[in-house]
Amino acid sequence: MAEISAPGVAGKPRFTLAERQGFTRRRVWWPIALFAALVALYADLVFLVLAAPVPLALVLTVPCGVVIGLLFIVGHDACHNSFTAWPRLNQTIGRLAFLPALHSFSLWDLAHNRTHHRHNNLRGWDYVWEPMTVEAYRRCGRLRRAVYRFYRTPGGVPFYYLIALWAPRLVLARPSIVRRMTVAFVADTVIVLLFLALQIWTVVTVGGLLGRGPLPSLLFGIVFPFLIWNGLISLVIFLHHTHPAVPWYPSVAAWEADRGAIGGTAHVRFPWPFGPMVLAIMEHNSHHDAPGVPLYHLARMQRGLAEKADFVSWRFSWLAYFRICQRCKLYDYDAGRWISFDAAKSSAGVPDGPRAG
């Protein structure tokens, strides 16, 4: 496995008051400029996708999907009220930035801020990439087992977010998911659906003016970039919280004792300039330690946090990614160990990999 620092988090990381104030200082005009630049880049790429010959258009759907992801990162920051110094501006930018990703701002706030960030990697609470126990896996039917196994393969990881999270939780406000319907949930869902209708009309109209039929226009201008963005975010959140040395917790007490906000996250390092290009989204330990820190201060905070706490940190490689997928299948919450699928076939449940935490 790649280089890993000790996963245990001893004590609460301490920053001075001046350091904390520096990390949380929010700007106004620079974030607005960044958001405007990304919107312009997205619009330009959609136009190029519609105007280019088919082979080139197919290639251009990749950067178009990446820019949707960058806009989503901006919306994510705005939903934490950390992107700019003005709360109402954050809400406006957040809702607009989420539209190409077809995400409801308030439903994301419920799923991400008020669920995931309260107790990440907590069994029964944080449902994002929550691993099954051997017993739960054995109780599942064949279809559910097959789907679960597929999601935890290198090729299956990119499909998880689209099917398990986006479709049922982040675009349509359903009472069975949100429990209590609010005006914001309904309004944000309507906004997303109206944007999608406008997006479809615009892409088909512009594509027609450029000599492209409705179906190719929809595929290249909307569907393919959207699928690419979904695959990327699925991979990112998998890397954020899944590793043989990253624990999942059986109780709030265990989560608090291990400082799970930091201990339950991984820092995945990529060569420069990947970090700035993806707006510091991989500086995830510092983000969970202080969600109010803007993305433009996260890299500096992450460097400081590395001097004050131990957490899983590894340099990305495809080989390491394949090994993580191979080892992180089921979980023994009592022993704090990842378990292989083969262990589910035996009554003993033989642990696979080192103890996490």
Protein backbone atom coordinates (compact mmCIF):
# COMPACT_ATOMS: atom_id res chain seq x y z
CA MET A 1 0.00 0.00 0.00
CA ALA A 2 1.08 3.58 -0.52
CA GLU A 3 2.69 5.70 2.16
CA ILE A 4 0.39 6.06 5.17
CA SER A 5 0.74 8.13 8.31
CA ALA A 6 -0.56 6.78 11.62
CA PRO A 7 -4.37 6.80 11.64
CA GLY A 8 -4.92 7.53 15.32
CA VAL A 9 -5.90 11.09 16.26
CA ALA A 10 -4.56 11.90 19.71
CA GLY A 11 -6.32 14.82 21.34
CA LYS A 12 -7.91 17.81 19.70
CA PRO A 13 -5.78 19.64 17.15
CA ARG A 14 -4.96 23.09 18.45
CA PHE A 15 -4.59 26.19 16.33
CA THR A 16 -4.03 29.61 17.78
CA LEU A 17 -6.87 32.11 17.64
CA ALA A 18 -4.99 34.08 15.00
CA GLU A 19 -4.54 30.94 12.90
CA ARG A 20 -8.23 30.06 13.16
CA GLN A 21 -9.24 33.57 12.19
CA GLY A 22 -6.88 33.45 9.23
CA PHE A 23 -8.27 30.15 7.99
CA THR A 24 -11.90 31.26 8.26
CA ARG A 25 -11.43 34.72 6.73
CA ARG A 26 -13.80 34.93 3.78
CA ARG A 27 -13.41 37.09 0.71
CA VAL A 28 -16.01 38.54 -1.66
CA TRP A 29 -14.72 39.62 -5.04
CA TRP A 30 -12.24 36.79 -5.67
CA PRO A 31 -14.90 34.08 -5.11
CA ILE A 32 -17.35 35.98 -7.32
CA ALA A 33 -14.71 36.17 -10.07
CA LEU A 34 -13.98 32.45 -9.74
CA PHE A 35 -17.67 31.56 -9.97
CA ALA A 36 -18.21 33.84 -12.98
CA ALA A 37 -15.16 32.39 -14.75
CA LEU A 38 -16.41 28.82 -14.23
CA VAL A 39 -19.89 29.69 -15.50
CA ALA A 40 -18.38 31.26 -18.63
CA LEU A 41 -16.09 28.26 -19.13
CA TYR A 42 -19.01 25.84 -18.78
CA ALA A 43 -21.11 27.76 -21.30
CA ASP A 44 -18.20 27.93 -23.76
CA LEU A 45 -17.52 24.21 -23.44
CA VAL A 46 -21.17 23.30 -24.02
CA PHE A 47 -21.14 25.45 -27.18
CA LEU A 48 -17.90 23.82 -28.37
CA VAL A 49 -19.31 20.37 -27.70
CA LEU A 50 -22.34 21.20 -29.84
CA ALA A 51 -20.27 22.78 -32.62
CA ALA A 52 -17.42 20.27 -32.85
CA PRO A 53 -17.33 17.15 -35.03
CA VAL A 54 -18.50 14.02 -33.23
CA PRO A 55 -15.05 12.59 -32.28
CA LEU A 56 -13.88 15.94 -30.88
CA ALA A 57 -17.26 16.57 -29.23
CA LEU A 58 -16.94 13.27 -27.41
CA VAL A 59 -13.49 14.28 -26.11
CA LEU A 60 -14.76 17.70 -25.03
CA THR A 61 -17.50 16.16 -22.89
CA VAL A 62 -14.74 15.21 -20.41
CA PRO A 63 -13.58 18.77 -19.56
CA CYS A 64 -17.23 19.82 -19.66
CA GLY A 65 -18.02 17.23 -16.97
CA VAL A 66 -14.98 18.36 -14.98
CA VAL A 67 -16.18 21.97 -15.00
CA ILE A 68 -19.59 20.83 -13.75
CA GLY A 69 -17.62 19.28 -10.88
CA LEU A 70 -15.72 22.52 -10.23
CA LEU A 71 -18.99 24.45 -10.12
CA PHE A 72 -20.31 21.85 -7.71
CA ILE A 73 -17.26 22.36 -5.45
CA VAL A 74 -18.06 26.08 -5.41
CA GLY A 75 -21.69 25.25 -4.53
CA HIS A 76 -20.49 22.88 -1.82
CA ASP A 77 -18.43 25.68 -0.26
CA ALA A 78 -21.32 28.11 -0.57
CA CYS A 79 -23.67 25.63 1.11
CA HIS A 80 -21.26 25.58 4.06
CA ASN A 81 -21.59 29.40 4.02
CA SER A 82 -17.82 29.61 3.58
CA PHE A 83 -17.35 30.64 -0.05
CA THR A 84 -17.92 34.39 0.38
CA ALA A 85 -18.30 36.72 3.35
CA TRP A 86 -21.99 37.34 2.60
CA PRO A 87 -24.47 34.59 3.63
CA ARG A 88 -27.20 35.58 1.14
CA LEU A 89 -24.65 35.68 -1.66
CA ASN A 90 -23.51 32.19 -0.65
CA GLN A 91 -27.07 30.91 -0.93
CA THR A 92 -27.52 32.49 -4.35
CA ILE A 93 -24.18 31.29 -5.73
CA GLY A 94 -24.71 27.85 -4.21
CA ARG A 95 -28.08 27.34 -5.87
CA LEU A 96 -26.79 28.53 -9.24
CA ALA A 97 -23.55 26.52 -9.03
CA PHE A 98 -25.49 23.33 -8.28
CA LEU A 99 -27.75 23.63 -11.34
CA PRO A 100 -25.48 22.01 -13.99
CA ALA A 101 -25.05 19.10 -11.55
CA LEU A 102 -28.87 19.00 -11.14
CA HIS A 103 -28.69 19.20 -7.34
CA SER A 104 -31.18 20.70 -4.94
CA PHE A 105 -29.36 23.14 -2.66
CA SER A 106 -31.47 22.43 0.42
CA LEU A 107 -31.49 18.65 -0.09
CA TRP A 108 -27.70 18.70 -0.35
CA ASP A 109 -27.59 20.76 2.86
CA LEU A 110 -29.67 18.08 4.58
CA ALA A 111 -27.65 15.15 3.27
CA HIS A 112 -24.20 16.68 3.53
CA ASN A 113 -24.07 19.39 6.18
CA ARG A 114 -26.66 18.09 8.63
CA THR A 115 -25.99 14.37 8.21
CA HIS A 116 -22.57 13.50 6.85
CA HIS A 117 -20.67 16.30 8.60
CA ARG A 118 -22.33 15.71 11.96
CA HIS A 119 -20.93 12.18 12.26
CA ASN A 120 -19.05 10.93 9.23
CA ASN A 121 -18.23 7.20 9.10
CA LEU A 122 -20.78 6.45 11.83
CA ARG A 123 -22.74 3.23 11.37
CA GLY A 124 -26.46 3.78 10.96
CA TRP A 125 -26.03 7.54 10.49
CA ASP A 126 -23.64 8.26 7.61
CA TYR A 127 -25.07 6.26 4.71
CA VAL A 128 -22.49 7.43 2.11
CA TRP A 129 -20.29 4.42 1.30
CA GLU A 130 -21.36 2.82 4.60
CA PRO A 131 -19.90 -0.71 4.61
CA MET A 132 -22.06 -3.68 5.47
CA THR A 133 -21.22 -6.13 8.23
CA VAL A 134 -20.78 -9.81 7.39
CA GLU A 135 -24.12 -10.56 9.04
CA ALA A 136 -25.98 -7.86 7.10
CA TYR A 137 -24.39 -9.00 3.84
CA ARG A 138 -25.48 -12.59 4.46
CA ARG A 139 -29.08 -11.48 5.04
CA CYS A 140 -29.23 -9.70 1.66
CA GLY A 141 -30.75 -11.25 -1.43
CA ARG A 142 -28.63 -12.13 -4.42
CA LEU A 143 -29.44 -8.96 -6.36
CA ARG A 144 -28.57 -6.63 -3.50
CA ARG A 145 -25.35 -8.55 -2.84
CA ALA A 146 -24.42 -8.28 -6.52
CA VAL A 147 -25.05 -4.53 -6.57
CA TYR A 148 -23.07 -4.01 -3.36
CA ARG A 149 -20.15 -6.06 -4.70
CA PHE A 150 -20.22 -4.14 -7.99
CA TYR A 151 -20.06 -0.75 -6.26
CA ARG A 152 -16.88 -1.83 -4.45
CA THR A 153 -14.98 -2.77 -7.59
CA PRO A 154 -12.65 -0.26 -9.32
CA GLY A 155 -15.04 -0.08 -12.27
CA GLY A 156 -18.15 0.05 -10.11
CA VAL A 157 -17.13 2.95 -7.85
CA PRO A 158 -18.01 5.64 -10.45
CA PHE A 159 -21.62 4.40 -10.67
CA TYR A 160 -22.39 4.55 -6.94
CA TYR A 161 -23.19 8.25 -6.59
CA LEU A 162 -25.56 8.42 -9.55
CA ILE A 163 -27.65 5.42 -8.52
CA ALA A 164 -27.43 5.27 -4.73
CA LEU A 165 -27.30 8.97 -3.85
CA TRP A 166 -28.22 11.44 -6.58
CA ALA A 167 -31.36 9.83 -7.95
CA PRO A 168 -33.12 9.00 -4.64
CA ARG A 169 -31.81 11.76 -2.36
CA LEU A 170 -30.46 14.88 -4.05
CA VAL A 171 -32.81 15.97 -6.81
CA LEU A 172 -36.37 15.01 -5.83
CA ALA A 173 -37.80 15.85 -2.40
CA ARG A 174 -39.43 12.61 -1.23
CA PRO A 175 -41.10 12.32 2.20
CA SER A 176 -39.62 8.86 2.75
CA ILE A 177 -36.13 10.38 2.52
CA VAL A 178 -36.44 13.84 4.10
CA ARG A 179 -39.08 12.79 6.70
CA ARG A 180 -40.46 16.32 6.95
CA MET A 181 -41.19 18.26 3.76
CA THR A 182 -40.29 21.93 3.73
CA VAL A 183 -40.95 24.79 1.34
CA ALA A 184 -37.21 24.97 0.58
CA PHE A 185 -37.05 21.31 -0.47
CA VAL A 186 -39.97 21.69 -2.86
CA ALA A 187 -38.81 25.08 -4.19
CA ASP A 188 -35.26 23.88 -4.86
CA THR A 189 -36.54 20.78 -6.65
CA VAL A 190 -38.74 22.99 -8.85
CA ILE A 191 -35.74 25.24 -9.59
CA VAL A 192 -33.66 22.23 -10.68
CA LEU A 193 -36.43 20.86 -12.91
CA LEU A 194 -37.03 24.28 -14.50
CA PHE A 195 -33.31 24.61 -15.17
CA LEU A 196 -33.24 21.15 -16.74
CA ALA A 197 -36.15 22.09 -19.02
CA LEU A 198 -34.39 25.32 -20.02
CA GLN A 199 -31.12 23.45 -20.51
CA ILE A 200 -32.76 20.88 -22.79
CA TRP A 201 -34.45 23.59 -24.87
CA THR A 202 -31.22 25.61 -25.17
CA VAL A 203 -29.04 22.65 -26.12
CA VAL A 204 -31.51 21.35 -28.70
CA THR A 205 -32.02 24.84 -30.18
CA VAL A 206 -28.33 25.73 -30.36
CA GLY A 207 -27.44 22.26 -31.60
CA GLY A 208 -30.05 22.60 -34.35
CA LEU A 209 -28.62 25.95 -35.44
CA LEU A 210 -25.20 24.28 -35.68
CA GLY A 211 -26.54 21.39 -37.73
CA ARG A 212 -26.76 18.79 -34.96
CA GLY A 213 -29.90 16.75 -34.32
CA PRO A 214 -31.83 16.81 -31.01
CA LEU A 215 -30.62 13.43 -29.71
CA PRO A 216 -26.87 14.01 -30.36
CA SER A 217 -27.24 17.52 -28.94
CA LEU A 218 -28.75 16.15 -25.73
CA LEU A 219 -26.18 13.37 -25.43
CA PHE A 220 -23.12 15.56 -25.99
CA GLY A 221 -24.42 18.74 -24.37
CA ILE A 222 -26.08 17.31 -21.26
CA VAL A 223 -26.02 13.55 -20.73
CA PHE A 224 -22.35 12.66 -21.25
CA PRO A 225 -20.93 15.60 -19.23
CA PHE A 226 -23.41 14.83 -16.45
CA LEU A 227 -22.39 11.17 -16.32
CA ILE A 228 -18.70 12.11 -16.29
CA TRP A 229 -19.24 14.50 -13.40
CA ASN A 230 -21.19 11.83 -11.50
CA GLY A 231 -18.41 9.30 -11.94
CA LEU A 232 -15.82 11.80 -10.72
CA ILE A 233 -17.68 12.79 -7.55
CA SER A 234 -18.35 9.13 -6.78
CA LEU A 235 -14.62 8.41 -6.99
CA VAL A 236 -13.77 11.48 -4.90
CA ILE A 237 -16.09 10.68 -2.00
CA PHE A 238 -14.94 7.05 -2.05
CA LEU A 239 -11.32 8.20 -1.67
CA HIS A 240 -12.29 10.68 1.05
CA HIS A 241 -13.55 8.04 3.48
CA THR A 242 -12.44 4.59 2.33
CA HIS A 243 -9.05 3.05 3.06
CA PRO A 244 -7.88 -0.06 4.96
CA ALA A 245 -6.65 2.21 7.76
CA VAL A 246 -9.69 4.53 7.85
CA PRO A 247 -12.16 3.28 10.48
CA TRP A 248 -15.93 3.23 10.61
CA TYR A 249 -17.46 3.68 14.04
CA PRO A 250 -20.14 1.67 15.89
CA SER A 251 -21.25 4.54 18.17
CA VAL A 252 -21.06 8.28 18.72
CA ALA A 253 -18.85 7.65 21.76
CA ALA A 254 -16.32 5.77 19.62
CA TRP A 255 -16.47 8.49 16.98
CA GLU A 256 -15.83 11.23 19.53
CA ALA A 257 -13.04 9.31 21.27
CA ASP A 258 -11.14 8.95 17.97
CA ARG A 259 -11.93 12.45 16.71
CA GLY A 260 -13.80 10.80 13.85
CA ALA A 261 -14.17 14.06 11.94
CA ILE A 262 -10.44 13.76 11.21
CA GLY A 263 -9.71 10.09 11.87
CA GLY A 264 -12.53 9.01 9.57
CA THR A 265 -11.11 10.90 6.60
CA ALA A 266 -8.16 10.36 4.27
CA HIS A 267 -5.80 12.85 2.69
CA VAL A 268 -5.13 11.73 -0.88
CA ARG A 269 -2.15 13.55 -2.36
CA PHE A 270 -1.85 14.24 -6.08
CA PRO A 271 1.05 15.86 -7.96
CA TRP A 272 1.00 19.64 -8.34
CA PRO A 273 -0.94 21.43 -9.82
CA PHE A 274 -3.82 18.96 -9.36
CA GLY A 275 -4.72 20.35 -5.92
CA PRO A 276 -5.30 23.96 -6.99
CA MET A 277 -6.98 22.82 -10.21
CA VAL A 278 -9.65 20.88 -8.28
CA LEU A 279 -10.11 23.70 -5.75
CA ALA A 280 -8.53 21.82 -2.82
CA ILE A 281 -11.32 19.24 -2.68
CA MET A 282 -8.86 16.54 -1.55
CA GLU A 283 -7.78 18.49 1.57
CA HIS A 284 -10.51 16.60 3.33
CA ASN A 285 -9.21 16.24 6.88
CA SER A 286 -9.06 20.00 7.37
CA HIS A 287 -12.47 20.41 5.73
CA HIS A 288 -14.06 18.01 8.22
CA ASP A 289 -12.20 19.59 11.13
CA ALA A 290 -13.55 23.03 10.18
CA PRO A 291 -16.24 23.02 7.43
CA GLY A 292 -16.45 26.81 7.63
CA VAL A 293 -12.96 27.27 6.18
CA PRO A 294 -13.18 28.47 2.53
CA LEU A 295 -11.68 26.31 -0.19
CA TYR A 296 -9.02 28.94 -0.87
CA HIS A 297 -7.57 28.48 2.66
CA LEU A 298 -7.87 24.69 2.95
CA ALA A 299 -4.40 23.79 1.62
CA ARG A 300 -2.73 26.04 4.19
CA MET A 301 -4.87 24.63 7.00
CA GLN A 302 -4.16 21.06 5.87
CA ARG A 303 -0.41 21.67 6.15
CA GLY A 304 -0.90 23.00 9.68
CA LEU A 305 -3.18 20.14 10.65
CA ALA A 306 -0.59 17.59 9.51
CA GLU A 307 1.75 18.95 12.18
CA LYS A 308 -0.85 18.61 14.94
CA ALA A 309 -2.68 15.32 14.25
CA ASP A 310 -2.08 11.95 12.67
CA PHE A 311 -4.39 10.77 9.91
CA VAL A 312 -4.32 8.56 6.85
CA SER A 313 -2.36 10.23 4.06
CA TRP A 314 -1.30 8.57 0.83
CA ARG A 315 -0.11 9.50 -2.65
CA PHE A 316 -2.61 8.53 -5.31
CA SER A 317 -1.78 5.80 -7.79
CA TRP A 318 -4.12 3.54 -9.72
CA LEU A 319 -2.44 0.50 -8.17
CA ALA A 320 -3.13 1.81 -4.67
CA TYR A 321 -6.73 2.55 -5.66
CA PHE A 322 -7.20 -1.01 -6.94
CA ARG A 323 -5.78 -2.38 -3.67
CA ILE A 324 -8.16 -0.25 -1.61
CA CYS A 325 -11.10 -1.56 -3.63
CA GLN A 326 -9.79 -5.08 -3.15
CA ARG A 327 -9.51 -4.83 0.64
CA CYS A 328 -12.37 -2.53 1.68
CA LYS A 329 -15.44 -4.76 1.27
CA LEU A 330 -17.27 -5.50 4.55
CA TYR A 331 -16.61 -4.17 8.04
CA ASP A 332 -16.41 -5.57 11.57
CA TYR A 333 -17.46 -2.57 13.66
CA ASP A 334 -16.66 -4.24 16.97
CA ALA A 335 -13.09 -5.15 16.02
CA GLY A 336 -12.54 -2.11 13.80
CA ARG A 337 -11.47 -4.19 10.80
CA TRP A 338 -12.27 -4.44 7.13
CA ILE A 339 -13.45 -7.89 6.09
CA SER A 340 -13.18 -9.65 2.72
CA PHE A 341 -16.16 -11.11 0.90
CA ASP A 342 -14.59 -14.53 1.33
CA ALA A 343 -15.00 -14.13 5.09
CA ALA A 344 -18.76 -13.93 4.62
CA LYS A 345 -18.72 -17.51 3.34
CA SER A 346 -17.35 -18.83 6.61
CA SER A 347 -18.87 -18.75 10.06
CA ALA A 348 -15.67 -17.34 11.61
CA GLY A 349 -15.40 -14.17 9.55
CA VAL A 350 -11.63 -14.00 9.13
CA PRO A 351 -10.37 -10.39 9.21
CA ASP A 352 -8.74 -9.02 6.08
CA GLY A 353 -6.15 -6.27 6.48
CA PRO A 354 -4.77 -4.29 9.41
CA ARG A 355 -6.83 -2.98 12.26
CA ALA A 356 -8.06 0.54 11.47
CA GLY A 357 -7.80 3.08 14.24
